[in-house]
Amino acid sequence: MFIGLLKLELRLSGCSSLKQKRQTLNAIKDRFGKHKNVAVTESNFNDVHQRAELSFICMSNDKSLIEAMLAKISHFCGCEVDAQIVNEYVEWL
């Protein structure tokens, strides 16, 4: 069993309130939180409206599936969401 942890620190320059931040983050959580092998949570900067850190955990018997899923998550957050990835961290547990 392989477990991959992806932490993304995001700059949300378009968010001027915590409500807008939650809407942006919920779009990401809704997209990937429904996958049976993925868990997502906001892990830092909870009260700062222009920064966020999301942590994604992915589990599988096939490491290449995890790598593909984490790459898909990173690409989505960097390209399809109004956010800029400031820092990206991957760890294998």
N, C-alpha and C. Protein backbone atom coordinates (compact mmCIF):
# COMPACT_ATOMS: atom_id res chain seq x y z
N MET A 1 0.85 -1.18 0.00
CA MET A 1 0.00 0.00 0.00
C MET A 1 0.89 1.23 0.00
N PHE A 2 0.63 2.14 -0.92
CA PHE A 2 1.36 3.40 -1.01
C PHE A 2 0.45 4.53 -0.59
N ILE A 3 1.02 5.51 0.09
CA ILE A 3 0.27 6.70 0.52
C ILE A 3 1.08 7.92 0.11
N GLY A 4 0.44 8.81 -0.65
CA GLY A 4 1.09 10.04 -1.08
C GLY A 4 0.41 11.24 -0.45
N LEU A 5 1.21 12.17 0.04
CA LEU A 5 0.72 13.41 0.64
C LEU A 5 1.15 14.56 -0.25
N LEU A 6 0.20 15.37 -0.66
CA LEU A 6 0.47 16.57 -1.45
C LEU A 6 -0.02 17.77 -0.66
N LYS A 7 0.88 18.71 -0.39
CA LYS A 7 0.50 19.97 0.25
C LYS A 7 0.70 21.08 -0.75
N LEU A 8 -0.35 21.85 -0.95
CA LEU A 8 -0.28 23.00 -1.86
C LEU A 8 -0.54 24.27 -1.07
N GLU A 9 0.40 25.19 -1.11
CA GLU A 9 0.19 26.52 -0.54
C GLU A 9 -0.26 27.41 -1.68
N LEU A 10 -1.42 28.01 -1.53
CA LEU A 10 -2.04 28.79 -2.60
C LEU A 10 -2.14 30.26 -2.23
N ARG A 11 -1.96 31.11 -3.23
CA ARG A 11 -2.25 32.54 -3.09
C ARG A 11 -3.55 32.79 -3.83
N LEU A 12 -4.53 33.30 -3.12
CA LEU A 12 -5.86 33.55 -3.67
C LEU A 12 -6.06 35.05 -3.80
N SER A 13 -5.43 35.64 -4.81
CA SER A 13 -5.43 37.11 -4.94
C SER A 13 -6.81 37.67 -5.26
N GLY A 14 -7.70 36.87 -5.80
CA GLY A 14 -9.04 37.36 -6.14
C GLY A 14 -10.02 37.33 -4.99
N CYS A 15 -9.60 36.82 -3.84
CA CYS A 15 -10.51 36.69 -2.69
C CYS A 15 -10.35 37.89 -1.76
N SER A 16 -11.44 38.58 -1.53
CA SER A 16 -11.40 39.73 -0.62
C SER A 16 -12.12 39.45 0.69
N SER A 17 -12.61 38.22 0.86
CA SER A 17 -13.28 37.85 2.11
C SER A 17 -13.09 36.35 2.34
N LEU A 18 -13.34 35.94 3.57
CA LEU A 18 -13.24 34.52 3.88
C LEU A 18 -14.33 33.72 3.16
N LYS A 19 -15.47 34.37 2.91
CA LYS A 19 -16.55 33.69 2.19
C LYS A 19 -16.11 33.34 0.76
N GLN A 20 -15.46 34.28 0.07
CA GLN A 20 -14.96 33.99 -1.27
C GLN A 20 -13.89 32.91 -1.24
N LYS A 21 -13.04 32.95 -0.21
CA LYS A 21 -12.01 31.93 -0.07
C LYS A 21 -12.65 30.56 0.08
N ARG A 22 -13.64 30.45 0.94
CA ARG A 22 -14.32 29.16 1.16
C ARG A 22 -14.98 28.64 -0.12
N GLN A 23 -15.55 29.54 -0.91
CA GLN A 23 -16.16 29.12 -2.17
C GLN A 23 -15.12 28.54 -3.12
N THR A 24 -13.97 29.19 -3.20
CA THR A 24 -12.89 28.71 -4.06
C THR A 24 -12.37 27.36 -3.58
N LEU A 25 -12.13 27.24 -2.28
CA LEU A 25 -11.60 25.99 -1.75
C LEU A 25 -12.63 24.87 -1.81
N ASN A 26 -13.89 25.20 -1.61
CA ASN A 26 -14.93 24.17 -1.70
C ASN A 26 -15.04 23.60 -3.11
N ALA A 27 -14.78 24.42 -4.12
CA ALA A 27 -14.79 23.91 -5.50
C ALA A 27 -13.71 22.84 -5.68
N ILE A 28 -12.54 23.07 -5.08
CA ILE A 28 -11.46 22.09 -5.16
C ILE A 28 -11.82 20.86 -4.35
N LYS A 29 -12.30 21.06 -3.14
CA LYS A 29 -12.66 19.94 -2.27
C LYS A 29 -13.76 19.10 -2.89
N ASP A 30 -14.74 19.74 -3.49
CA ASP A 30 -15.84 19.01 -4.12
C ASP A 30 -15.35 18.19 -5.31
N ARG A 31 -14.41 18.73 -6.04
CA ARG A 31 -13.90 18.03 -7.23
C ARG A 31 -13.12 16.77 -6.85
N PHE A 32 -12.24 16.88 -5.84
CA PHE A 32 -11.35 15.76 -5.54
C PHE A 32 -11.73 14.99 -4.28
N GLY A 33 -12.50 15.57 -3.41
CA GLY A 33 -12.91 14.88 -2.20
C GLY A 33 -13.86 13.73 -2.44
N LYS A 34 -14.45 13.67 -3.63
CA LYS A 34 -15.39 12.60 -3.96
C LYS A 34 -14.70 11.34 -4.47
N HIS A 35 -13.43 11.44 -4.80
CA HIS A 35 -12.68 10.26 -5.25
C HIS A 35 -12.51 9.32 -4.06
N LYS A 36 -12.68 8.03 -4.29
CA LYS A 36 -12.66 7.09 -3.18
C LYS A 36 -11.29 6.93 -2.54
N ASN A 37 -10.22 7.28 -3.23
CA ASN A 37 -8.87 7.12 -2.69
C ASN A 37 -8.21 8.43 -2.29
N VAL A 38 -8.99 9.53 -2.25
CA VAL A 38 -8.43 10.85 -1.97
C VAL A 38 -9.16 11.50 -0.80
N ALA A 39 -8.38 12.07 0.11
CA ALA A 39 -8.94 12.89 1.19
C ALA A 39 -8.29 14.26 1.10
N VAL A 40 -9.07 15.30 1.39
CA VAL A 40 -8.55 16.67 1.28
C VAL A 40 -9.01 17.48 2.49
N THR A 41 -8.12 18.36 2.96
CA THR A 41 -8.47 19.26 4.05
C THR A 41 -7.67 20.55 3.93
N GLU A 42 -8.23 21.61 4.48
CA GLU A 42 -7.50 22.88 4.58
C GLU A 42 -6.63 22.78 5.82
N SER A 43 -5.32 22.85 5.64
CA SER A 43 -4.41 22.53 6.75
C SER A 43 -3.66 23.73 7.33
N ASN A 44 -3.81 24.91 6.76
CA ASN A 44 -3.12 26.08 7.29
C ASN A 44 -3.76 27.35 6.74
N PHE A 45 -3.47 28.47 7.36
CA PHE A 45 -3.95 29.79 6.94
C PHE A 45 -5.48 29.86 6.93
N ASN A 46 -6.11 29.28 7.93
CA ASN A 46 -7.58 29.22 7.97
C ASN A 46 -8.25 30.59 8.03
N ASP A 47 -7.63 31.56 8.69
CA ASP A 47 -8.26 32.86 8.87
C ASP A 47 -7.66 33.96 7.98
N VAL A 48 -6.87 33.58 7.01
CA VAL A 48 -6.27 34.54 6.09
C VAL A 48 -6.98 34.40 4.75
N HIS A 49 -7.59 35.47 4.25
CA HIS A 49 -8.45 35.33 3.08
C HIS A 49 -7.71 35.24 1.74
N GLN A 50 -6.43 35.55 1.68
CA GLN A 50 -5.73 35.45 0.40
C GLN A 50 -4.67 34.36 0.37
N ARG A 51 -4.64 33.51 1.38
CA ARG A 51 -3.71 32.38 1.40
C ARG A 51 -4.43 31.14 1.90
N ALA A 52 -3.98 30.00 1.42
CA ALA A 52 -4.55 28.74 1.87
C ALA A 52 -3.52 27.64 1.70
N GLU A 53 -3.62 26.63 2.52
CA GLU A 53 -2.84 25.42 2.31
C GLU A 53 -3.81 24.26 2.34
N LEU A 54 -3.80 23.51 1.27
CA LEU A 54 -4.63 22.31 1.18
C LEU A 54 -3.72 21.09 1.21
N SER A 55 -4.13 20.08 1.96
CA SER A 55 -3.41 18.82 2.03
C SER A 55 -4.28 17.73 1.42
N PHE A 56 -3.68 16.97 0.52
CA PHE A 56 -4.36 15.87 -0.15
C PHE A 56 -3.63 14.58 0.21
N ILE A 57 -4.37 13.57 0.60
CA ILE A 57 -3.82 12.24 0.86
C ILE A 57 -4.43 11.30 -0.17
N CYS A 58 -3.60 10.52 -0.81
CA CYS A 58 -4.07 9.55 -1.81
C CYS A 58 -3.45 8.20 -1.49
N MET A 59 -4.29 7.15 -1.52
CA MET A 59 -3.83 5.80 -1.20
C MET A 59 -4.17 4.85 -2.33
N SER A 60 -3.23 3.93 -2.59
CA SER A 60 -3.46 2.92 -3.63
C SER A 60 -2.38 1.85 -3.53
N ASN A 61 -2.64 0.73 -4.16
CA ASN A 61 -1.63 -0.31 -4.27
C ASN A 61 -0.65 -0.03 -5.41
N ASP A 62 -0.99 0.92 -6.27
CA ASP A 62 -0.18 1.25 -7.43
C ASP A 62 0.35 2.68 -7.29
N LYS A 63 1.65 2.81 -7.12
CA LYS A 63 2.26 4.13 -6.91
C LYS A 63 2.05 5.06 -8.11
N SER A 64 2.03 4.51 -9.31
CA SER A 64 1.86 5.35 -10.50
C SER A 64 0.47 5.99 -10.54
N LEU A 65 -0.53 5.31 -10.01
CA LEU A 65 -1.87 5.90 -9.93
C LEU A 65 -1.89 7.10 -8.98
N ILE A 66 -1.19 6.97 -7.88
CA ILE A 66 -1.10 8.08 -6.92
C ILE A 66 -0.37 9.25 -7.56
N GLU A 67 0.75 8.98 -8.21
CA GLU A 67 1.51 10.05 -8.87
C GLU A 67 0.65 10.77 -9.90
N ALA A 68 -0.13 10.02 -10.66
CA ALA A 68 -1.00 10.63 -11.67
C ALA A 68 -2.08 11.48 -11.02
N MET A 69 -2.68 10.98 -9.95
CA MET A 69 -3.74 11.74 -9.27
C MET A 69 -3.19 13.01 -8.64
N LEU A 70 -2.04 12.94 -7.99
CA LEU A 70 -1.46 14.14 -7.38
C LEU A 70 -1.07 15.16 -8.45
N ALA A 71 -0.59 14.71 -9.59
CA ALA A 71 -0.27 15.62 -10.70
C ALA A 71 -1.55 16.27 -11.23
N LYS A 72 -2.62 15.50 -11.32
CA LYS A 72 -3.90 16.03 -11.80
C LYS A 72 -4.42 17.09 -10.83
N ILE A 73 -4.30 16.84 -9.54
CA ILE A 73 -4.74 17.81 -8.53
C ILE A 73 -3.93 19.09 -8.65
N SER A 74 -2.62 18.95 -8.73
CA SER A 74 -1.73 20.12 -8.83
C SER A 74 -2.03 20.93 -10.09
N HIS A 75 -2.23 20.26 -11.20
CA HIS A 75 -2.54 20.94 -12.46
C HIS A 75 -3.87 21.69 -12.36
N PHE A 76 -4.87 21.04 -11.80
CA PHE A 76 -6.19 21.68 -11.66
C PHE A 76 -6.08 22.94 -10.79
N CYS A 77 -5.39 22.83 -9.67
CA CYS A 77 -5.29 23.98 -8.76
C CYS A 77 -4.48 25.12 -9.37
N GLY A 78 -3.51 24.79 -10.21
CA GLY A 78 -2.67 25.82 -10.82
C GLY A 78 -3.25 26.45 -12.06
N CYS A 79 -4.12 25.72 -12.77
CA CYS A 79 -4.60 26.21 -14.06
C CYS A 79 -6.09 26.54 -14.11
N GLU A 80 -6.91 25.80 -13.39
CA GLU A 80 -8.35 25.95 -13.54
C GLU A 80 -9.04 26.64 -12.37
N VAL A 81 -8.28 27.04 -11.39
CA VAL A 81 -8.84 27.73 -10.22
C VAL A 81 -8.16 29.09 -10.15
N ASP A 82 -8.88 30.08 -9.64
CA ASP A 82 -8.32 31.42 -9.48
C ASP A 82 -7.36 31.43 -8.30
N ALA A 83 -6.22 30.74 -8.48
CA ALA A 83 -5.22 30.61 -7.42
C ALA A 83 -3.85 30.43 -8.05
N GLN A 84 -2.84 30.84 -7.31
CA GLN A 84 -1.46 30.65 -7.74
C GLN A 84 -0.79 29.73 -6.72
N ILE A 85 -0.13 28.69 -7.21
CA ILE A 85 0.58 27.79 -6.31
C ILE A 85 1.89 28.44 -5.90
N VAL A 86 2.03 28.69 -4.61
CA VAL A 86 3.23 29.32 -4.06
C VAL A 86 4.26 28.25 -3.70
N ASN A 87 3.78 27.14 -3.14
CA ASN A 87 4.66 26.08 -2.70
C ASN A 87 3.96 24.74 -2.89
N GLU A 88 4.69 23.76 -3.34
CA GLU A 88 4.15 22.42 -3.55
C GLU A 88 5.09 21.42 -2.90
N TYR A 89 4.52 20.54 -2.09
CA TYR A 89 5.31 19.58 -1.32
C TYR A 89 4.68 18.21 -1.46
N VAL A 90 5.46 17.21 -1.84
CA VAL A 90 4.99 15.83 -1.96
C VAL A 90 5.82 14.96 -1.03
N GLU A 91 5.12 14.11 -0.30
CA GLU A 91 5.79 13.19 0.62
C GLU A 91 5.15 11.81 0.48
N TRP A 92 5.98 10.78 0.56
CA TRP A 92 5.49 9.40 0.53
C TRP A 92 5.52 8.84 1.93
N LEU A 93 4.40 8.33 2.36
CA LEU A 93 4.30 7.80 3.72
C LEU A 93 4.27 6.29 3.71
